[in-house]
Every structure is written in C-alpha cells, then in structure tokens.
C-alpha atoms as a PDB file:
ATOM      1  CA  MET A   1       0.035   0.021  -0.038  1.00  0.00           C
ATOM      2  CA  LEU A   2       1.661   3.312  -1.119  1.00  0.00           C
ATOM      3  CA  TYR A   3       0.279   6.484   0.270  1.00  0.00           C
ATOM      4  CA  LEU A   4       1.242   9.230  -2.150  1.00  0.00           C
ATOM      5  CA  ASP A   5      -0.220  11.993  -0.039  1.00  0.00           C
ATOM      6  CA  ASP A   6      -2.486  12.832   3.000  1.00  0.00           C
ATOM      7  CA  VAL A   7      -5.740  12.833   1.016  1.00  0.00           C
ATOM      8  CA  PRO A   8      -4.889   9.767   0.917  1.00  0.00           C
ATOM      9  CA  THR A   9      -4.059   8.909  -2.810  1.00  0.00           C
ATOM     10  CA  VAL A  10      -2.969   5.286  -2.700  1.00  0.00           C
ATOM     11  CA  GLU A  11      -1.705   2.661  -4.813  1.00  0.00           C
ATOM     12  CA  VAL A  12      -2.415  -0.909  -3.807  1.00  0.00           C
ATOM     13  CA  GLY A  13       0.094  -3.248  -5.441  1.00  0.00           C
ATOM     14  CA  VAL A  14       1.355  -6.801  -5.677  1.00  0.00           C
ATOM     15  CA  GLU A  15       4.947  -8.071  -6.264  1.00  0.00           C
ATOM     16  CA  LEU A  16       5.543  -9.564  -9.641  1.00  0.00           C
ATOM     17  CA  ASP A  17       8.237 -12.203 -10.427  1.00  0.00           C
ATOM     18  CA  GLY A  18       8.646 -11.043 -14.129  1.00  0.00           C
ATOM     19  CA  THR A  19       7.717  -8.241 -16.363  1.00  0.00           C
ATOM     20  CA  PHE A  20       4.506  -6.305 -16.399  1.00  0.00           C
ATOM     21  CA  VAL A  21       3.137  -6.727 -19.865  1.00  0.00           C
ATOM     22  CA  ALA A  22       0.174  -4.153 -20.438  1.00  0.00           C
ATOM     23  CA  PRO A  23      -2.074  -1.937 -18.293  1.00  0.00           C
ATOM     24  CA  THR A  24      -5.692  -3.068 -18.225  1.00  0.00           C
ATOM     25  CA  GLY A  25      -8.321  -0.770 -16.907  1.00  0.00           C
ATOM     26  CA  ARG A  26      -7.275   0.534 -13.562  1.00  0.00           C
ATOM     27  CA  VAL A  27      -4.283  -1.832 -13.359  1.00  0.00           C
ATOM     28  CA  VAL A  28      -1.107  -0.053 -14.132  1.00  0.00           C
ATOM     29  CA  GLU A  29       2.583  -0.583 -13.716  1.00  0.00           C
ATOM     30  CA  SER A  30       4.012   1.047 -10.547  1.00  0.00           C
ATOM     31  CA  ALA A  31       6.990   1.009  -8.409  1.00  0.00           C
ATOM     32  CA  LEU A  32       7.890   2.095  -4.807  1.00  0.00           C
ATOM     33  CA  PRO A  33       9.923   5.299  -4.569  1.00  0.00           C
ATOM     34  CA  GLU A  34      13.697   5.275  -4.613  1.00  0.00           C
ATOM     35  CA  GLY A  35      15.593   6.963  -1.916  1.00  0.00           C
ATOM     36  CA  ARG A  36      16.337   6.744   1.727  1.00  0.00           C
ATOM     37  CA  ALA A  37      13.609   5.807   4.087  1.00  0.00           C
ATOM     38  CA  ALA A  38      12.890   5.464   7.726  1.00  0.00           C
ATOM     39  CA  THR A  39      11.314   2.151   8.684  1.00  0.00           C
ATOM     40  CA  THR A  40      10.018  -0.138  11.487  1.00  0.00           C
ATOM     41  CA  VAL A  41       8.004  -3.400  11.557  1.00  0.00           C
ATOM     42  CA  ALA A  42       4.642  -3.824  13.090  1.00  0.00           C
ATOM     43  CA  ARG A  43       4.206  -7.351  14.471  1.00  0.00           C
ATOM     44  CA  GLY A  44       1.118  -9.350  14.741  1.00  0.00           C
ATOM     45  CA  ALA A  45      -2.084  -9.429  12.706  1.00  0.00           C
ATOM     46  CA  PRO A  46      -2.602  -6.147  10.902  1.00  0.00           C
ATOM     47  CA  SER A  47      -4.825  -3.687  12.822  1.00  0.00           C
ATOM     48  CA  ARG A  48      -5.491   0.029  12.519  1.00  0.00           C
ATOM     49  CA  GLU A  49      -3.980   0.603  15.974  1.00  0.00           C
ATOM     50  CA  GLY A  50      -0.857  -1.368  15.328  1.00  0.00           C
ATOM     51  CA  LEU A  51      -0.121   0.190  11.903  1.00  0.00           C
ATOM     52  CA  ALA A  52      -0.836   3.605  13.456  1.00  0.00           C
ATOM     53  CA  ALA A  53       1.573   3.057  16.233  1.00  0.00           C
ATOM     54  CA  ALA A  54       4.289   1.992  13.674  1.00  0.00           C
ATOM     55  CA  HIS A  55       3.742   4.971  11.490  1.00  0.00           C
ATOM     56  CA  ALA A  56       3.887   7.353  14.613  1.00  0.00           C
ATOM     57  CA  ALA A  57       7.171   5.604  15.699  1.00  0.00           C
ATOM     58  CA  VAL A  58       8.715   6.351  12.371  1.00  0.00           C
ATOM     59  CA  VAL A  59       7.549   9.939  12.428  1.00  0.00           C
ATOM     60  CA  GLU A  60       8.712  10.535  15.984  1.00  0.00           C
ATOM     61  CA  TRP A  61      12.083   8.977  15.332  1.00  0.00           C
ATOM     62  CA  SER A  62      12.541  11.060  12.140  1.00  0.00           C
ATOM     63  CA  ARG A  63      11.806  14.256  14.141  1.00  0.00           C
ATOM     64  CA  THR A  64      14.023  13.353  16.963  1.00  0.00           C
ATOM     65  CA  ASN A  65      16.877  12.554  14.389  1.00  0.00           C
ATOM     66  CA  ASP A  66      16.365  15.612  12.423  1.00  0.00           C
ATOM     67  CA  HIS A  67      15.125  13.856   9.209  1.00  0.00           C
ATOM     68  CA  GLU A  68      12.678  15.608   7.104  1.00  0.00           C
ATOM     69  CA  LEU A  69       9.833  13.251   5.779  1.00  0.00           C
ATOM     70  CA  THR A  70       8.408  13.834   2.340  1.00  0.00           C
ATOM     71  CA  GLY A  71       4.952  12.456   3.268  1.00  0.00           C
ATOM     72  CA  THR A  72       5.296   9.486   0.921  1.00  0.00           C
ATOM     73  CA  ARG A  73       4.972   6.405   2.823  1.00  0.00           C
ATOM     74  CA  TRP A  74       4.106   2.594   2.250  1.00  0.00           C
ATOM     75  CA  GLU A  75       3.384  -0.547   4.025  1.00  0.00           C
ATOM     76  CA  VAL A  76       4.663  -4.074   2.758  1.00  0.00           C
ATOM     77  CA  TYR A  77       2.477  -6.818   4.093  1.00  0.00           C
ATOM     78  CA  ASP A  78       3.855 -10.261   5.040  1.00  0.00           C
ATOM     79  CA  HIS A  79       2.277 -13.374   3.482  1.00  0.00           C
ATOM     80  CA  TRP A  80      -0.491 -14.680   5.731  1.00  0.00           C
ATOM     81  CA  ARG A  81       0.290 -17.562   8.093  1.00  0.00           C
ATOM     82  CA  ASP A  82      -1.971 -19.679  10.197  1.00  0.00           C
ATOM     83  CA  ASP A  83      -0.247 -17.922  13.382  1.00  0.00           C
ATOM     84  CA  PRO A  84      -1.436 -14.227  13.111  1.00  0.00           C
ATOM     85  CA  ASP A  85       1.092 -13.361  15.829  1.00  0.00           C
ATOM     86  CA  SER A  86       4.021 -14.281  13.459  1.00  0.00           C
ATOM     87  CA  PHE A  87       2.606 -11.747  10.873  1.00  0.00           C
ATOM     88  CA  GLU A  88       4.805  -8.613  10.077  1.00  0.00           C
ATOM     89  CA  THR A  89       4.060  -5.402   8.243  1.00  0.00           C
ATOM     90  CA  ALA A  90       7.008  -3.237   7.320  1.00  0.00           C
ATOM     91  CA  VAL A  91       6.273   0.542   7.417  1.00  0.00           C
ATOM     92  CA  TYR A  92       8.414   2.973   5.336  1.00  0.00           C
ATOM     93  CA  TRP A  93       8.509   6.690   5.222  1.00  0.00           C
ATOM     94  CA  LEU A  94      10.553   8.353   2.362  1.00  0.00           C
ATOM     95  CA  LEU A  95      13.123  10.877   3.687  1.00  0.00           C
ATOM     96  CA  ALA A  96      13.812  14.142   2.042  1.00  0.00           C
ATOM     97  CA  SER A  97      17.267  14.293   0.493  1.00  0.00           C
END
C-alpha cells in the first residue's frame, strides 16, 4: 500500500516475479519510490492501531533525529500464516534528500 499524499491518494500493489506486460483498466505498472527511508516493523495481525503506532514511531524517530519526511509512505504486508502473531508489516517513510 503506497500512500502518495495525505488525502490519501493510494496505490495498492502486488509483487511480480517477471515483467508487467500491459495496463488493463485501472491496473497499471507502478514501483515504490527510490531513496532513503525510515522504517519499522509492526508485528502481529494487521490492525488500525498497530499500523498507526508503527507510523507514529517512524515519524517520531525522524523528528528526533532531524530527518525531514516527504509525506510519501508505504506498507509491505507479510504473507499470511496460520499464526497471526507471526505476521509482520514493514512501514516505510521516504526521507527528503
């Protein structure tokens, strides 16, 4: 899930092991942004509270360490498992250069 702004304008994506052939309707080729990012991992089944805490932690760390955020951020979800406590979601915020 790529959040491009605070509206939020989002892109929901899947990873491909190969080449994207052609856009179809609203399905288009996309890529995550390049550059330095601040990151953390939310552990456990995805929840609004858990993801909000992970995002807040990255924002706080960035402010404390004098890193400016661009506002572009994304989440990379783990593959589902039978044990929801083993699930991980990586949270990234793109840093200004």
